[in-house]
Amino acid sequence: MYSEAGRRANDGERQTDGGRGAATYTSTMAEWFADESLWEAIYPFEFPDAVIAAGETQVASALRLRGVPQAGRALDLGCGPGRHAIALASRGFTVTAVDLSAFHLAKAKEHVATAGLVIELLRADMRAFVRPDSFDLALSLFTSFGYFDAAEDDLRVLQNVHQSLRPGGALVMDMVSKECLARNFDATTSHKVPDGSLLFQRHAIRDDWTRVSNEWTVVTGTQARTFDFSLRVYSGRELRDLLVRAGFASVDLYGGLDGRRYGLEAERLVAVASKHGRDAD
């Protein structure tokens, strides 16, 4: 989540604590992403109206990448307020949207109702969520990956997604990368929203360039709240290798959802990981 704040009817929806095939995995408050007060405090900075609206363009771009399925069942993993799930559903996909944050899912429910769409909303830990052979497409966008302390948990998430995809399905990932950070790293940043609230961010590279630590201070009126957390960051090669370890048969890397080359001009790390058909397996 390095500087991501500058960019992240009940008949038709289901909000629960898990899904079919979900293993048991309990997130604790010791894990920073389980703190709902964080997501509530930074929501105006992560998801202003322009960022919510950009979900439509981002999904349209993702669907133009080579090897990305154009129809069927889709999984939005780490769905946040549902902007990508809504864009998928509006294109005819049958969508399941998963997030651990009850706050984000409540926002997603509001947005889904406003859009008049049917989307399954699930509260689940991505380390546990598995639905074997259920989805044609999975999305993990807006740096929704690398939250866990243990590197093995990242691998587990990708293995879960691989298992949940149907033969011929694909996973599209979008995140900040080591290469992009090395070129554009800002140790301190700040943002202001229309109501006057301020977000001050301090970032540091640590653990031999494997993680970015973050200190975010939100100032609203006379109240200031500080949140500390860190993310694991990957190079393009490291992410490709991890996806292959998880079982994906082919991985294409891009420097953005617009399909640009993953080179010096890369703004993001985007991966399209494909699960081959049964004959290829």
C-alpha atoms as a PDB file:
ATOM      1  CA  MET A   1       0.000   0.000   0.000  1.00  0.00           C
ATOM      2  CA  TYR A   2       2.877   2.399  -0.656  1.00  0.00           C
ATOM      3  CA  SER A   3       1.134   5.678  -1.602  1.00  0.00           C
ATOM      4  CA  GLU A   4      -1.983   3.883  -2.825  1.00  0.00           C
ATOM      5  CA  ALA A   5      -4.044   6.609  -1.167  1.00  0.00           C
ATOM      6  CA  GLY A   6      -3.148   8.834  -4.093  1.00  0.00           C
ATOM      7  CA  ARG A   7      -4.693   6.537  -6.703  1.00  0.00           C
ATOM      8  CA  ARG A   8      -7.466   2.167  -3.077  1.00  0.00           C
ATOM      9  CA  ALA A   9     -30.730  -5.944  -2.486  1.00  0.00           C
ATOM     10  CA  ASN A  10     -29.929  -8.975  -0.210  1.00  0.00           C
ATOM     11  CA  ASP A  11     -31.524 -11.374  -2.701  1.00  0.00           C
ATOM     12  CA  GLY A  12     -28.650 -10.721  -5.004  1.00  0.00           C
ATOM     13  CA  GLU A  13     -25.848 -10.466  -2.470  1.00  0.00           C
ATOM     14  CA  ARG A  14     -24.466 -12.646   0.272  1.00  0.00           C
ATOM     15  CA  GLN A  15     -22.207 -11.328   3.013  1.00  0.00           C
ATOM     16  CA  THR A  16     -20.767 -14.054   5.189  1.00  0.00           C
ATOM     17  CA  ASP A  17     -17.624 -15.126   6.988  1.00  0.00           C
ATOM     18  CA  GLY A  18     -16.464 -17.563   4.360  1.00  0.00           C
ATOM     19  CA  GLY A  19     -17.288 -19.415   1.197  1.00  0.00           C
ATOM     20  CA  ARG A  20     -17.644 -22.889  -0.173  1.00  0.00           C
ATOM     21  CA  GLY A  21     -14.355 -24.680   0.227  1.00  0.00           C
ATOM     22  CA  ALA A  22     -12.903 -22.044   2.563  1.00  0.00           C
ATOM     23  CA  ALA A  23     -10.397 -23.456   5.032  1.00  0.00           C
ATOM     24  CA  THR A  24     -10.291 -22.222   8.607  1.00  0.00           C
ATOM     25  CA  TYR A  25      -7.964 -19.262   9.077  1.00  0.00           C
ATOM     26  CA  THR A  26      -8.393 -16.655  11.798  1.00  0.00           C
ATOM     27  CA  SER A  27      -6.945 -13.186  11.340  1.00  0.00           C
ATOM     28  CA  THR A  28      -5.969 -11.504  14.592  1.00  0.00           C
ATOM     29  CA  MET A  29      -5.857  -7.840  15.535  1.00  0.00           C
ATOM     30  CA  ALA A  30      -2.081  -8.237  15.666  1.00  0.00           C
ATOM     31  CA  GLU A  31      -2.281  -8.275  11.874  1.00  0.00           C
ATOM     32  CA  TRP A  32      -2.509  -4.646  10.778  1.00  0.00           C
ATOM     33  CA  PHE A  33      -5.046  -5.246   8.003  1.00  0.00           C
ATOM     34  CA  ALA A  34      -7.553  -6.659  10.530  1.00  0.00           C
ATOM     35  CA  ASP A  35      -7.863  -3.214  12.150  1.00  0.00           C
ATOM     36  CA  GLU A  36     -11.120  -1.775  10.786  1.00  0.00           C
ATOM     37  CA  SER A  37     -10.311   1.673  12.163  1.00  0.00           C
ATOM     38  CA  LEU A  38      -7.433   1.913   9.671  1.00  0.00           C
ATOM     39  CA  TRP A  39      -9.678   1.348   6.651  1.00  0.00           C
ATOM     40  CA  GLU A  40     -12.291   3.758   7.987  1.00  0.00           C
ATOM     41  CA  ALA A  41      -9.719   6.497   8.631  1.00  0.00           C
ATOM     42  CA  ILE A  42      -7.959   6.303   5.273  1.00  0.00           C
ATOM     43  CA  TYR A  43     -11.027   5.651   3.104  1.00  0.00           C
ATOM     44  CA  PRO A  44     -11.451   9.294   1.952  1.00  0.00           C
ATOM     45  CA  PHE A  45      -7.824   9.305   0.818  1.00  0.00           C
ATOM     46  CA  GLU A  46      -7.762   5.859  -0.787  1.00  0.00           C
ATOM     47  CA  PHE A  47     -11.133   6.017  -2.496  1.00  0.00           C
ATOM     48  CA  PRO A  48     -12.185   9.522  -3.526  1.00  0.00           C
ATOM     49  CA  ASP A  49     -14.818   9.683  -6.251  1.00  0.00           C
ATOM     50  CA  ALA A  50     -12.222   9.774  -9.032  1.00  0.00           C
ATOM     51  CA  VAL A  51     -10.626   6.523  -7.830  1.00  0.00           C
ATOM     52  CA  ILE A  52     -14.001   4.809  -7.555  1.00  0.00           C
ATOM     53  CA  ALA A  53     -14.842   5.903 -11.113  1.00  0.00           C
ATOM     54  CA  ALA A  54     -11.450   4.704 -12.392  1.00  0.00           C
ATOM     55  CA  GLY A  55     -12.428   1.119 -11.594  1.00  0.00           C
ATOM     56  CA  GLU A  56     -14.379   0.986 -14.853  1.00  0.00           C
ATOM     57  CA  THR A  57     -11.356   1.991 -16.963  1.00  0.00           C
ATOM     58  CA  GLN A  58      -9.025  -0.316 -15.061  1.00  0.00           C
ATOM     59  CA  VAL A  59     -11.226  -3.367 -15.630  1.00  0.00           C
ATOM     60  CA  ALA A  60     -11.670  -2.454 -19.310  1.00  0.00           C
ATOM     61  CA  SER A  61      -7.878  -2.287 -19.665  1.00  0.00           C
ATOM     62  CA  ALA A  62      -7.340  -5.567 -17.782  1.00  0.00           C
ATOM     63  CA  LEU A  63      -9.759  -7.357 -20.096  1.00  0.00           C
ATOM     64  CA  ARG A  64      -7.752  -6.237 -23.126  1.00  0.00           C
ATOM     65  CA  LEU A  65      -4.584  -7.960 -21.902  1.00  0.00           C
ATOM     66  CA  ARG A  66      -3.588 -11.107 -23.758  1.00  0.00           C
ATOM     67  CA  GLY A  67      -5.062 -14.320 -22.393  1.00  0.00           C
ATOM     68  CA  VAL A  68      -7.681 -12.700 -20.141  1.00  0.00           C
ATOM     69  CA  PRO A  69     -11.117 -14.386 -20.337  1.00  0.00           C
ATOM     70  CA  GLN A  70     -13.912 -12.143 -21.594  1.00  0.00           C
ATOM     71  CA  ALA A  71     -16.897 -13.804 -19.926  1.00  0.00           C
ATOM     72  CA  GLY A  72     -17.924 -16.282 -17.245  1.00  0.00           C
ATOM     73  CA  ARG A  73     -17.460 -16.275 -13.482  1.00  0.00           C
ATOM     74  CA  ALA A  74     -15.065 -13.776 -11.916  1.00  0.00           C
ATOM     75  CA  LEU A  75     -13.425 -13.428  -8.508  1.00  0.00           C
ATOM     76  CA  ASP A  76     -12.437  -9.993  -7.183  1.00  0.00           C
ATOM     77  CA  LEU A  77      -9.968 -10.802  -4.390  1.00  0.00           C
ATOM     78  CA  GLY A  78      -9.428  -7.949  -1.961  1.00  0.00           C
ATOM     79  CA  CYS A  79     -12.396  -6.151  -3.481  1.00  0.00           C
ATOM     80  CA  GLY A  80     -12.437  -3.098  -1.203  1.00  0.00           C
ATOM     81  CA  PRO A  81     -15.532  -0.972  -1.920  1.00  0.00           C
ATOM     82  CA  GLY A  82     -16.387  -3.060  -4.972  1.00  0.00           C
ATOM     83  CA  ARG A  83     -15.444  -0.790  -7.851  1.00  0.00           C
ATOM     84  CA  HIS A  84     -13.797  -3.541  -9.930  1.00  0.00           C
ATOM     85  CA  ALA A  85     -16.471  -6.100  -9.066  1.00  0.00           C
ATOM     86  CA  ILE A  86     -19.142  -3.686 -10.298  1.00  0.00           C
ATOM     87  CA  ALA A  87     -17.271  -3.079 -13.547  1.00  0.00           C
ATOM     88  CA  LEU A  88     -17.065  -6.839 -14.115  1.00  0.00           C
ATOM     89  CA  ALA A  89     -20.734  -7.430 -13.304  1.00  0.00           C
ATOM     90  CA  SER A  90     -21.786  -4.622 -15.621  1.00  0.00           C
ATOM     91  CA  ARG A  91     -20.065  -6.549 -18.430  1.00  0.00           C
ATOM     92  CA  GLY A  92     -22.041  -9.686 -17.736  1.00  0.00           C
ATOM     93  CA  PHE A  93     -19.629 -11.587 -15.482  1.00  0.00           C
ATOM     94  CA  THR A  94     -21.066 -13.506 -12.550  1.00  0.00           C
ATOM     95  CA  VAL A  95     -18.998 -11.965  -9.761  1.00  0.00           C
ATOM     96  CA  THR A  96     -17.866 -13.035  -6.300  1.00  0.00           C
ATOM     97  CA  ALA A  97     -16.158 -10.245  -4.359  1.00  0.00           C
ATOM     98  CA  VAL A  98     -14.056 -11.158  -1.301  1.00  0.00           C
ATOM     99  CA  ASP A  99     -12.588  -8.913   1.378  1.00  0.00           C
ATOM    100  CA  LEU A 100     -11.683  -9.284   5.043  1.00  0.00           C
ATOM    101  CA  SER A 101     -12.853  -5.782   5.958  1.00  0.00           C
ATOM    102  CA  ALA A 102     -16.486  -5.522   7.029  1.00  0.00           C
ATOM    103  CA  PHE A 103     -16.218  -1.768   6.525  1.00  0.00           C
ATOM    104  CA  HIS A 104     -15.166  -2.164   2.887  1.00  0.00           C
ATOM    105  CA  LEU A 105     -17.854  -4.759   2.259  1.00  0.00           C
ATOM    106  CA  ALA A 106     -20.505  -2.396   3.642  1.00  0.00           C
ATOM    107  CA  LYS A 107     -19.309   0.241   1.179  1.00  0.00           C
ATOM    108  CA  ALA A 108     -19.339  -2.354  -1.603  1.00  0.00           C
ATOM    109  CA  LYS A 109     -22.915  -3.309  -0.729  1.00  0.00           C
ATOM    110  CA  GLU A 110     -23.974   0.335  -1.050  1.00  0.00           C
ATOM    111  CA  HIS A 111     -22.268   0.705  -4.421  1.00  0.00           C
ATOM    112  CA  VAL A 112     -23.705  -2.557  -5.745  1.00  0.00           C
ATOM    113  CA  ALA A 113     -27.211  -1.490  -4.731  1.00  0.00           C
ATOM    114  CA  THR A 114     -26.755   1.890  -6.413  1.00  0.00           C
ATOM    115  CA  ALA A 115     -25.591   0.159  -9.600  1.00  0.00           C
ATOM    116  CA  GLY A 116     -28.570  -2.208  -9.501  1.00  0.00           C
ATOM    117  CA  LEU A 117     -26.373  -5.262  -9.971  1.00  0.00           C
ATOM    118  CA  VAL A 118     -26.171  -8.735  -8.428  1.00  0.00           C
ATOM    119  CA  ILE A 119     -22.792  -9.526  -6.828  1.00  0.00           C
ATOM    120  CA  GLU A 120     -21.923 -12.086  -4.181  1.00  0.00           C
ATOM    121  CA  LEU A 121     -20.094 -10.304  -1.353  1.00  0.00           C
ATOM    122  CA  LEU A 122     -18.074 -12.483   1.009  1.00  0.00           C
ATOM    123  CA  ARG A 123     -16.107 -11.648   4.135  1.00  0.00           C
ATOM    124  CA  ALA A 124     -13.166 -14.048   4.142  1.00  0.00           C
ATOM    125  CA  ASP A 125      -9.400 -14.211   4.601  1.00  0.00           C
ATOM    126  CA  MET A 126      -7.754 -14.718   1.212  1.00  0.00           C
ATOM    127  CA  ARG A 127      -5.393 -17.237   2.798  1.00  0.00           C
ATOM    128  CA  ALA A 128      -8.410 -19.455   3.398  1.00  0.00           C
ATOM    129  CA  PHE A 129     -10.779 -18.732   0.523  1.00  0.00           C
ATOM    130  CA  VAL A 130     -10.871 -21.571  -2.030  1.00  0.00           C
ATOM    131  CA  ARG A 131     -13.587 -22.676  -4.465  1.00  0.00           C
ATOM    132  CA  PRO A 132     -12.096 -25.375  -6.685  1.00  0.00           C
ATOM    133  CA  ASP A 133     -12.636 -24.973 -10.445  1.00  0.00           C
ATOM    134  CA  SER A 134     -15.166 -22.168  -9.970  1.00  0.00           C
ATOM    135  CA  PHE A 135     -13.861 -19.058 -11.758  1.00  0.00           C
ATOM    136  CA  ASP A 136     -12.769 -18.131 -15.265  1.00  0.00           C
ATOM    137  CA  LEU A 137     -11.105 -14.902 -14.137  1.00  0.00           C
ATOM    138  CA  ALA A 138      -9.598 -13.625 -10.888  1.00  0.00           C
ATOM    139  CA  LEU A 139      -8.504 -10.054 -10.179  1.00  0.00           C
ATOM    140  CA  SER A 140      -6.120  -8.783  -7.508  1.00  0.00           C
ATOM    141  CA  LEU A 141      -5.747  -5.074  -8.238  1.00  0.00           C
ATOM    142  CA  PHE A 142      -4.656  -1.890  -6.454  1.00  0.00           C
ATOM    143  CA  THR A 143      -1.843  -3.569  -4.467  1.00  0.00           C
ATOM    144  CA  SER A 144      -4.125  -6.021  -2.649  1.00  0.00           C
ATOM    145  CA  PHE A 145      -1.277  -8.510  -2.209  1.00  0.00           C
ATOM    146  CA  GLY A 146       1.737  -8.811   0.099  1.00  0.00           C
ATOM    147  CA  TYR A 147      -0.010  -7.917   3.363  1.00  0.00           C
ATOM    148  CA  PHE A 148       1.218 -10.889   5.397  1.00  0.00           C
ATOM    149  CA  ASP A 149       4.313 -11.269   7.577  1.00  0.00           C
ATOM    150  CA  ALA A 150       5.093 -14.763   6.296  1.00  0.00           C
ATOM    151  CA  ALA A 151       6.130 -15.141   2.666  1.00  0.00           C
ATOM    152  CA  GLU A 152       4.504 -18.581   2.683  1.00  0.00           C
ATOM    153  CA  ASP A 153       1.119 -16.903   3.115  1.00  0.00           C
ATOM    154  CA  ASP A 154       1.539 -15.083  -0.206  1.00  0.00           C
ATOM    155  CA  LEU A 155       2.244 -18.408  -1.889  1.00  0.00           C
ATOM    156  CA  ARG A 156      -0.800 -19.938  -0.191  1.00  0.00           C
ATOM    157  CA  VAL A 157      -3.013 -17.159  -1.578  1.00  0.00           C
ATOM    158  CA  LEU A 158      -1.793 -17.780  -5.123  1.00  0.00           C
ATOM    159  CA  GLN A 159      -2.219 -21.535  -4.741  1.00  0.00           C
ATOM    160  CA  ASN A 160      -5.790 -20.912  -3.571  1.00  0.00           C
ATOM    161  CA  VAL A 161      -6.500 -18.782  -6.626  1.00  0.00           C
ATOM    162  CA  HIS A 162      -4.949 -21.363  -8.952  1.00  0.00           C
ATOM    163  CA  GLN A 163      -7.121 -24.061  -7.414  1.00  0.00           C
ATOM    164  CA  SER A 164     -10.203 -21.842  -7.667  1.00  0.00           C
ATOM    165  CA  LEU A 165      -9.729 -21.136 -11.376  1.00  0.00           C
ATOM    166  CA  ARG A 166     -11.211 -23.347 -14.036  1.00  0.00           C
ATOM    167  CA  PRO A 167      -8.908 -24.855 -16.681  1.00  0.00           C
ATOM    168  CA  GLY A 168      -7.992 -22.053 -19.073  1.00  0.00           C
ATOM    169  CA  GLY A 169      -8.704 -19.397 -16.429  1.00  0.00           C
ATOM    170  CA  ALA A 170      -6.436 -16.468 -15.622  1.00  0.00           C
ATOM    171  CA  LEU A 171      -5.401 -14.248 -12.710  1.00  0.00           C
ATOM    172  CA  VAL A 172      -4.656 -10.555 -13.278  1.00  0.00           C
ATOM    173  CA  MET A 173      -2.545  -8.868 -10.583  1.00  0.00           C
ATOM    174  CA  ASP A 174      -1.660  -5.178 -10.270  1.00  0.00           C
ATOM    175  CA  MET A 175       0.716  -3.787  -7.638  1.00  0.00           C
ATOM    176  CA  VAL A 176       3.616  -1.505  -6.907  1.00  0.00           C
ATOM    177  CA  SER A 177       6.960  -3.254  -7.499  1.00  0.00           C
ATOM    178  CA  LYS A 178      10.548  -3.008  -6.327  1.00  0.00           C
ATOM    179  CA  GLU A 179      11.625  -1.590  -9.667  1.00  0.00           C
ATOM    180  CA  CYS A 180       8.982   1.147  -9.561  1.00  0.00           C
ATOM    181  CA  LEU A 181       9.799   1.982  -5.949  1.00  0.00           C
ATOM    182  CA  ALA A 182      13.531   2.217  -6.668  1.00  0.00           C
ATOM    183  CA  ARG A 183      12.839   4.734  -9.415  1.00  0.00           C
ATOM    184  CA  ASN A 184      10.125   6.822  -7.725  1.00  0.00           C
ATOM    185  CA  PHE A 185      10.524   6.376  -3.976  1.00  0.00           C
ATOM    186  CA  ASP A 186       9.275   9.202  -1.733  1.00  0.00           C
ATOM    187  CA  ALA A 187      10.151   8.883   1.932  1.00  0.00           C
ATOM    188  CA  THR A 188       7.395  11.327   2.948  1.00  0.00           C
ATOM    189  CA  THR A 189       4.151  12.317   1.252  1.00  0.00           C
ATOM    190  CA  SER A 190       0.946  14.104   2.217  1.00  0.00           C
ATOM    191  CA  HIS A 191      -2.611  14.350   0.904  1.00  0.00           C
ATOM    192  CA  LYS A 192      -5.562  16.596   1.685  1.00  0.00           C
ATOM    193  CA  VAL A 193      -9.249  15.878   1.004  1.00  0.00           C
ATOM    194  CA  PRO A 194     -12.017  18.460   0.511  1.00  0.00           C
ATOM    195  CA  ASP A 195     -13.214  18.340   4.125  1.00  0.00           C
ATOM    196  CA  GLY A 196      -9.760  19.495   5.217  1.00  0.00           C
ATOM    197  CA  SER A 197      -8.547  16.177   6.611  1.00  0.00           C
ATOM    198  CA  LEU A 198      -4.871  15.459   6.060  1.00  0.00           C
ATOM    199  CA  LEU A 199      -2.900  12.265   5.563  1.00  0.00           C
ATOM    200  CA  PHE A 200       0.843  12.308   6.275  1.00  0.00           C
ATOM    201  CA  GLN A 201       2.806   9.247   5.130  1.00  0.00           C
ATOM    202  CA  ARG A 202       6.333   8.126   5.996  1.00  0.00           C
ATOM    203  CA  HIS A 203       7.848   5.165   4.140  1.00  0.00           C
ATOM    204  CA  ALA A 204      11.046   3.155   4.530  1.00  0.00           C
ATOM    205  CA  ILE A 205      12.578   0.196   2.720  1.00  0.00           C
ATOM    206  CA  ARG A 206      13.586  -2.570   5.114  1.00  0.00           C
ATOM    207  CA  ASP A 207      14.519  -6.237   5.470  1.00  0.00           C
ATOM    208  CA  ASP A 208      16.935  -6.231   2.537  1.00  0.00           C
ATOM    209  CA  TRP A 209      14.436  -4.699   0.096  1.00  0.00           C
ATOM    210  CA  THR A 210      11.718  -7.231   0.857  1.00  0.00           C
ATOM    211  CA  ARG A 211       9.282  -4.916   2.662  1.00  0.00           C
ATOM    212  CA  VAL A 212       8.111  -1.311   2.794  1.00  0.00           C
ATOM    213  CA  SER A 213       7.207   0.001   6.234  1.00  0.00           C
ATOM    214  CA  ASN A 214       4.589   2.731   6.443  1.00  0.00           C
ATOM    215  CA  GLU A 215       3.547   5.229   9.083  1.00  0.00           C
ATOM    216  CA  TRP A 216       0.296   6.944   8.174  1.00  0.00           C
ATOM    217  CA  THR A 217      -1.067   9.795  10.284  1.00  0.00           C
ATOM    218  CA  VAL A 218      -4.612  10.990   9.642  1.00  0.00           C
ATOM    219  CA  VAL A 219      -5.476  14.459  10.970  1.00  0.00           C
ATOM    220  CA  THR A 220      -9.178  15.308  11.182  1.00  0.00           C
ATOM    221  CA  GLY A 221      -9.960  18.567  12.959  1.00  0.00           C
ATOM    222  CA  THR A 222      -8.040  18.409  16.223  1.00  0.00           C
ATOM    223  CA  GLN A 223      -7.731  14.610  16.231  1.00  0.00           C
ATOM    224  CA  ALA A 224      -4.670  12.758  14.907  1.00  0.00           C
ATOM    225  CA  ARG A 225      -4.428   8.980  14.528  1.00  0.00           C
ATOM    226  CA  THR A 226      -1.304   7.098  13.465  1.00  0.00           C
ATOM    227  CA  PHE A 227      -1.208   3.647  11.883  1.00  0.00           C
ATOM    228  CA  ASP A 228       1.926   1.547  11.333  1.00  0.00           C
ATOM    229  CA  PHE A 229       2.051  -1.334   8.877  1.00  0.00           C
ATOM    230  CA  SER A 230       4.245  -2.932   6.245  1.00  0.00           C
ATOM    231  CA  LEU A 231       3.915  -4.649   2.883  1.00  0.00           C
ATOM    232  CA  ARG A 232       6.012  -7.261   1.138  1.00  0.00           C
ATOM    233  CA  VAL A 233       7.169  -6.010  -2.262  1.00  0.00           C
ATOM    234  CA  TYR A 234       8.169  -8.057  -5.288  1.00  0.00           C
ATOM    235  CA  SER A 235      10.252  -7.530  -8.366  1.00  0.00           C
ATOM    236  CA  GLY A 236       8.804  -8.679 -11.654  1.00  0.00           C
ATOM    237  CA  ARG A 237      10.984 -11.771 -11.667  1.00  0.00           C
ATOM    238  CA  GLU A 238      10.122 -12.630  -8.049  1.00  0.00           C
ATOM    239  CA  LEU A 239       6.394 -12.378  -8.716  1.00  0.00           C
ATOM    240  CA  ARG A 240       6.692 -14.486 -11.858  1.00  0.00           C
ATOM    241  CA  ASP A 241       8.610 -17.181  -9.977  1.00  0.00           C
ATOM    242  CA  LEU A 242       6.053 -17.194  -7.160  1.00  0.00           C
ATOM    243  CA  LEU A 243       3.160 -17.602  -9.596  1.00  0.00           C
ATOM    244  CA  VAL A 244       4.931 -20.508 -11.271  1.00  0.00           C
ATOM    245  CA  ARG A 245       5.510 -22.116  -7.847  1.00  0.00           C
ATOM    246  CA  ALA A 246       1.785 -21.739  -7.199  1.00  0.00           C
ATOM    247  CA  GLY A 247       1.067 -23.839 -10.283  1.00  0.00           C
ATOM    248  CA  PHE A 248       0.405 -21.306 -13.038  1.00  0.00           C
ATOM    249  CA  ALA A 249       1.540 -22.525 -16.435  1.00  0.00           C
ATOM    250  CA  SER A 250       2.407 -19.170 -18.002  1.00  0.00           C
ATOM    251  CA  VAL A 251       2.954 -15.636 -16.722  1.00  0.00           C
ATOM    252  CA  ASP A 252       3.096 -12.410 -18.757  1.00  0.00           C
ATOM    253  CA  LEU A 253       4.334  -9.204 -17.120  1.00  0.00           C
ATOM    254  CA  TYR A 254       3.351  -5.653 -18.040  1.00  0.00           C
ATOM    255  CA  GLY A 255       4.270  -2.191 -16.806  1.00  0.00           C
ATOM    256  CA  GLY A 256       0.645  -1.144 -16.409  1.00  0.00           C
ATOM    257  CA  LEU A 257      -2.893  -2.231 -17.110  1.00  0.00           C
ATOM    258  CA  ASP A 258      -2.539  -0.505 -20.480  1.00  0.00           C
ATOM    259  CA  GLY A 259      -0.264  -3.361 -21.560  1.00  0.00           C
ATOM    260  CA  ARG A 260       2.979  -1.393 -21.796  1.00  0.00           C
ATOM    261  CA  ARG A 261       6.257  -3.315 -21.593  1.00  0.00           C
ATOM    262  CA  TYR A 262       7.604  -4.112 -18.137  1.00  0.00           C
ATOM    263  CA  GLY A 263      10.725  -2.010 -18.516  1.00  0.00           C
ATOM    264  CA  LEU A 264      12.042   1.393 -17.532  1.00  0.00           C
ATOM    265  CA  GLU A 265       8.719   3.011 -18.423  1.00  0.00           C
ATOM    266  CA  ALA A 266       6.727   0.720 -16.111  1.00  0.00           C
ATOM    267  CA  GLU A 267       4.383   2.519 -13.710  1.00  0.00           C
ATOM    268  CA  ARG A 268       3.021  -0.658 -12.066  1.00  0.00           C
ATOM    269  CA  LEU A 269       3.725  -4.367 -11.967  1.00  0.00           C
ATOM    270  CA  VAL A 270       0.898  -6.195 -13.750  1.00  0.00           C
ATOM    271  CA  ALA A 271       0.909  -9.968 -14.186  1.00  0.00           C
ATOM    272  CA  VAL A 272      -1.427 -12.178 -16.199  1.00  0.00           C
ATOM    273  CA  ALA A 273      -1.041 -15.744 -14.913  1.00  0.00           C
ATOM    274  CA  SER A 274      -2.813 -18.486 -16.844  1.00  0.00           C
ATOM    275  CA  LYS A 275      -3.990 -21.895 -15.718  1.00  0.00           C
ATOM    276  CA  HIS A 276      -3.735 -24.286 -18.640  1.00  0.00           C
ATOM    277  CA  GLY A 277      -6.489 -26.702 -19.610  1.00  0.00           C
ATOM    278  CA  ARG A 278      -6.639 -30.250 -18.349  1.00  0.00           C
ATOM    279  CA  ASP A 279      -4.791 -31.605 -21.388  1.00  0.00           C
ATOM    280  CA  ALA A 280      -1.884 -29.227 -20.770  1.00  0.00           C
ATOM    281  CA  ASP A 281      -1.772 -30.101 -17.071  1.00  0.00           C
END
